[in-house]
């Protein structure tokens, strides 16, 4: 590769590098100053916050009045009609 060919390839790349360095220095100056940076594209409004999940309902309040979830099978005849309810009104 000759000197002329090298300079033909090198000079545009050096110019591009210097432009990028200059732009980055200008950006650093604008960020360090108190001026707000205006975005080049419009920004969208932030998404609304979701409600936090509701706490679990205690099992005692779910099964109140509807029979126990697991019937006591140790004594026969302790449920109406001798049928287990399994937490449902029948």
C-alpha atoms as a PDB file:
ATOM      1  CA  UNK A   1       0.000   0.000   0.000  1.00  0.00           C
ATOM      2  CA  UNK A   2       1.452   3.324  -1.053  1.00  0.00           C
ATOM      3  CA  UNK A   3       1.456   6.562   0.915  1.00  0.00           C
ATOM      4  CA  UNK A   4      -1.085   8.207  -1.383  1.00  0.00           C
ATOM      5  CA  UNK A   5      -3.478   5.263  -1.099  1.00  0.00           C
ATOM      6  CA  UNK A   6      -3.067   5.192   2.684  1.00  0.00           C
ATOM      7  CA  UNK A   7      -3.796   8.926   3.001  1.00  0.00           C
ATOM      8  CA  UNK A   8      -6.814   8.586   0.713  1.00  0.00           C
ATOM      9  CA  UNK A   9      -8.278   5.994   3.130  1.00  0.00           C
ATOM     10  CA  UNK A  10      -6.983   7.555   6.350  1.00  0.00           C
ATOM     11  CA  UNK A  11      -7.993  11.216   5.967  1.00  0.00           C
ATOM     12  CA  UNK A  12     -11.796  10.647   5.730  1.00  0.00           C
ATOM     13  CA  UNK A  13     -11.637   8.289   8.718  1.00  0.00           C
ATOM     14  CA  UNK A  14      -9.646  10.838  10.728  1.00  0.00           C
ATOM     15  CA  UNK A  15     -12.172  13.541   9.850  1.00  0.00           C
ATOM     16  CA  UNK A  16     -15.046  11.281  10.991  1.00  0.00           C
ATOM     17  CA  UNK A  17     -13.242  10.486  14.246  1.00  0.00           C
ATOM     18  CA  UNK A  18     -12.649  14.181  14.966  1.00  0.00           C
ATOM     19  CA  UNK A  19     -16.317  15.007  14.267  1.00  0.00           C
ATOM     20  CA  UNK A  20     -17.464  12.277  16.651  1.00  0.00           C
ATOM     21  CA  UNK A  21     -15.060  13.468  19.352  1.00  0.00           C
ATOM     22  CA  UNK A  22     -16.272  17.051  18.917  1.00  0.00           C
ATOM     23  CA  UNK A  23     -19.935  15.973  19.148  1.00  0.00           C
ATOM     24  CA  UNK A  24     -19.298  13.881  22.256  1.00  0.00           C
ATOM     25  CA  UNK A  25     -17.501  16.792  23.941  1.00  0.00           C
ATOM     26  CA  UNK A  26     -20.401  19.124  23.124  1.00  0.00           C
ATOM     27  CA  UNK A  27     -22.871  16.579  24.514  1.00  0.00           C
ATOM     28  CA  UNK A  28     -20.819  16.226  27.702  1.00  0.00           C
ATOM     29  CA  UNK A  29     -20.797  20.020  28.113  1.00  0.00           C
ATOM     30  CA  UNK A  30     -24.551  20.278  27.633  1.00  0.00           C
ATOM     31  CA  UNK A  31     -25.167  17.447  30.110  1.00  0.00           C
ATOM     32  CA  UNK A  32     -22.906  18.982  32.737  1.00  0.00           C
ATOM     33  CA  UNK A  33     -24.584  22.387  32.439  1.00  0.00           C
ATOM     34  CA  UNK A  34     -28.040  23.032  33.840  1.00  0.00           C
ATOM     35  CA  UNK A  35     -29.659  23.249  30.403  1.00  0.00           C
ATOM     36  CA  UNK A  36     -32.184  20.476  29.779  1.00  0.00           C
ATOM     37  CA  UNK A  37     -31.510  18.288  26.779  1.00  0.00           C
ATOM     38  CA  UNK A  38     -34.449  18.252  24.392  1.00  0.00           C
ATOM     39  CA  UNK A  39     -35.074  14.750  23.008  1.00  0.00           C
ATOM     40  CA  UNK A  40     -35.013  14.389  19.243  1.00  0.00           C
ATOM     41  CA  UNK A  41     -38.209  12.343  19.235  1.00  0.00           C
ATOM     42  CA  UNK A  42     -41.410  12.807  21.215  1.00  0.00           C
ATOM     43  CA  UNK A  43     -41.692  10.872  24.428  1.00  0.00           C
ATOM     44  CA  UNK A  44     -44.712   8.833  25.419  1.00  0.00           C
ATOM     45  CA  UNK A  45     -46.472   9.268  28.720  1.00  0.00           C
ATOM     46  CA  UNK A  46     -45.422   6.636  31.267  1.00  0.00           C
ATOM     47  CA  UNK A  47     -47.681   3.636  31.634  1.00  0.00           C
ATOM     48  CA  UNK A  48     -50.142   3.874  34.546  1.00  0.00           C
ATOM     49  CA  UNK A  49     -49.199   1.979  37.669  1.00  0.00           C
ATOM     50  CA  UNK A  50     -51.039  -1.257  38.311  1.00  0.00           C
ATOM     51  CA  UNK A  51     -52.867  -1.909  41.541  1.00  0.00           C
ATOM     52  CA  UNK A  52     -50.921  -4.110  43.950  1.00  0.00           C
ATOM     53  CA  UNK A  53     -52.315  -7.630  44.324  1.00  0.00           C
ATOM     54  CA  UNK A  54     -54.923  -8.098  47.004  1.00  0.00           C
ATOM     55  CA  UNK A  55     -53.895 -10.133  50.063  1.00  0.00           C
ATOM     56  CA  UNK A  56     -55.176 -13.711  50.198  1.00  0.00           C
ATOM     57  CA  UNK A  57     -58.485 -14.270  51.957  1.00  0.00           C
ATOM     58  CA  UNK A  58     -58.153 -16.381  55.119  1.00  0.00           C
ATOM     59  CA  UNK A  59     -59.631 -19.861  54.776  1.00  0.00           C
ATOM     60  CA  UNK A  60     -61.798 -19.334  57.858  1.00  0.00           C
ATOM     61  CA  UNK A  61     -63.764 -16.527  56.176  1.00  0.00           C
ATOM     62  CA  UNK A  62     -64.251 -18.524  52.947  1.00  0.00           C
ATOM     63  CA  UNK A  63     -65.604 -21.630  54.647  1.00  0.00           C
ATOM     64  CA  UNK A  64     -67.746 -19.910  57.256  1.00  0.00           C
ATOM     65  CA  UNK A  65     -71.289 -21.202  56.997  1.00  0.00           C
ATOM     66  CA  UNK A  66     -70.648 -23.586  54.127  1.00  0.00           C
ATOM     67  CA  UNK A  67     -69.242 -26.576  55.995  1.00  0.00           C
ATOM     68  CA  UNK A  68     -65.642 -27.563  56.449  1.00  0.00           C
ATOM     69  CA  UNK A  69     -63.395 -28.085  53.505  1.00  0.00           C
ATOM     70  CA  UNK A  70     -62.415 -31.546  54.750  1.00  0.00           C
ATOM     71  CA  UNK A  71     -65.185 -33.222  56.765  1.00  0.00           C
ATOM     72  CA  UNK A  72     -64.383 -35.124  59.918  1.00  0.00           C
ATOM     73  CA  UNK A  73     -64.763 -38.755  58.835  1.00  0.00           C
ATOM     74  CA  UNK A  74     -63.703 -40.144  62.211  1.00  0.00           C
ATOM     75  CA  UNK A  75     -67.326 -40.125  63.445  1.00  0.00           C
ATOM     76  CA  UNK A  76     -70.067 -41.316  61.107  1.00  0.00           C
ATOM     77  CA  UNK A  77     -73.209 -39.243  60.883  1.00  0.00           C
ATOM     78  CA  UNK A  78     -71.743 -35.876  61.801  1.00  0.00           C
ATOM     79  CA  UNK A  79     -72.776 -34.265  58.476  1.00  0.00           C
ATOM     80  CA  UNK A  80     -76.371 -33.784  57.299  1.00  0.00           C
ATOM     81  CA  UNK A  81     -77.746 -36.748  55.331  1.00  0.00           C
ATOM     82  CA  UNK A  82     -74.494 -38.616  56.095  1.00  0.00           C
ATOM     83  CA  UNK A  83     -72.841 -36.988  53.048  1.00  0.00           C
ATOM     84  CA  UNK A  84     -69.672 -34.934  53.215  1.00  0.00           C
ATOM     85  CA  UNK A  85     -70.122 -31.341  52.009  1.00  0.00           C
ATOM     86  CA  UNK A  86     -66.486 -30.618  51.077  1.00  0.00           C
ATOM     87  CA  UNK A  87     -66.981 -26.882  51.545  1.00  0.00           C
ATOM     88  CA  UNK A  88     -70.108 -26.587  49.375  1.00  0.00           C
ATOM     89  CA  UNK A  89     -73.701 -26.093  50.466  1.00  0.00           C
ATOM     90  CA  UNK A  90     -75.716 -29.030  49.190  1.00  0.00           C
END
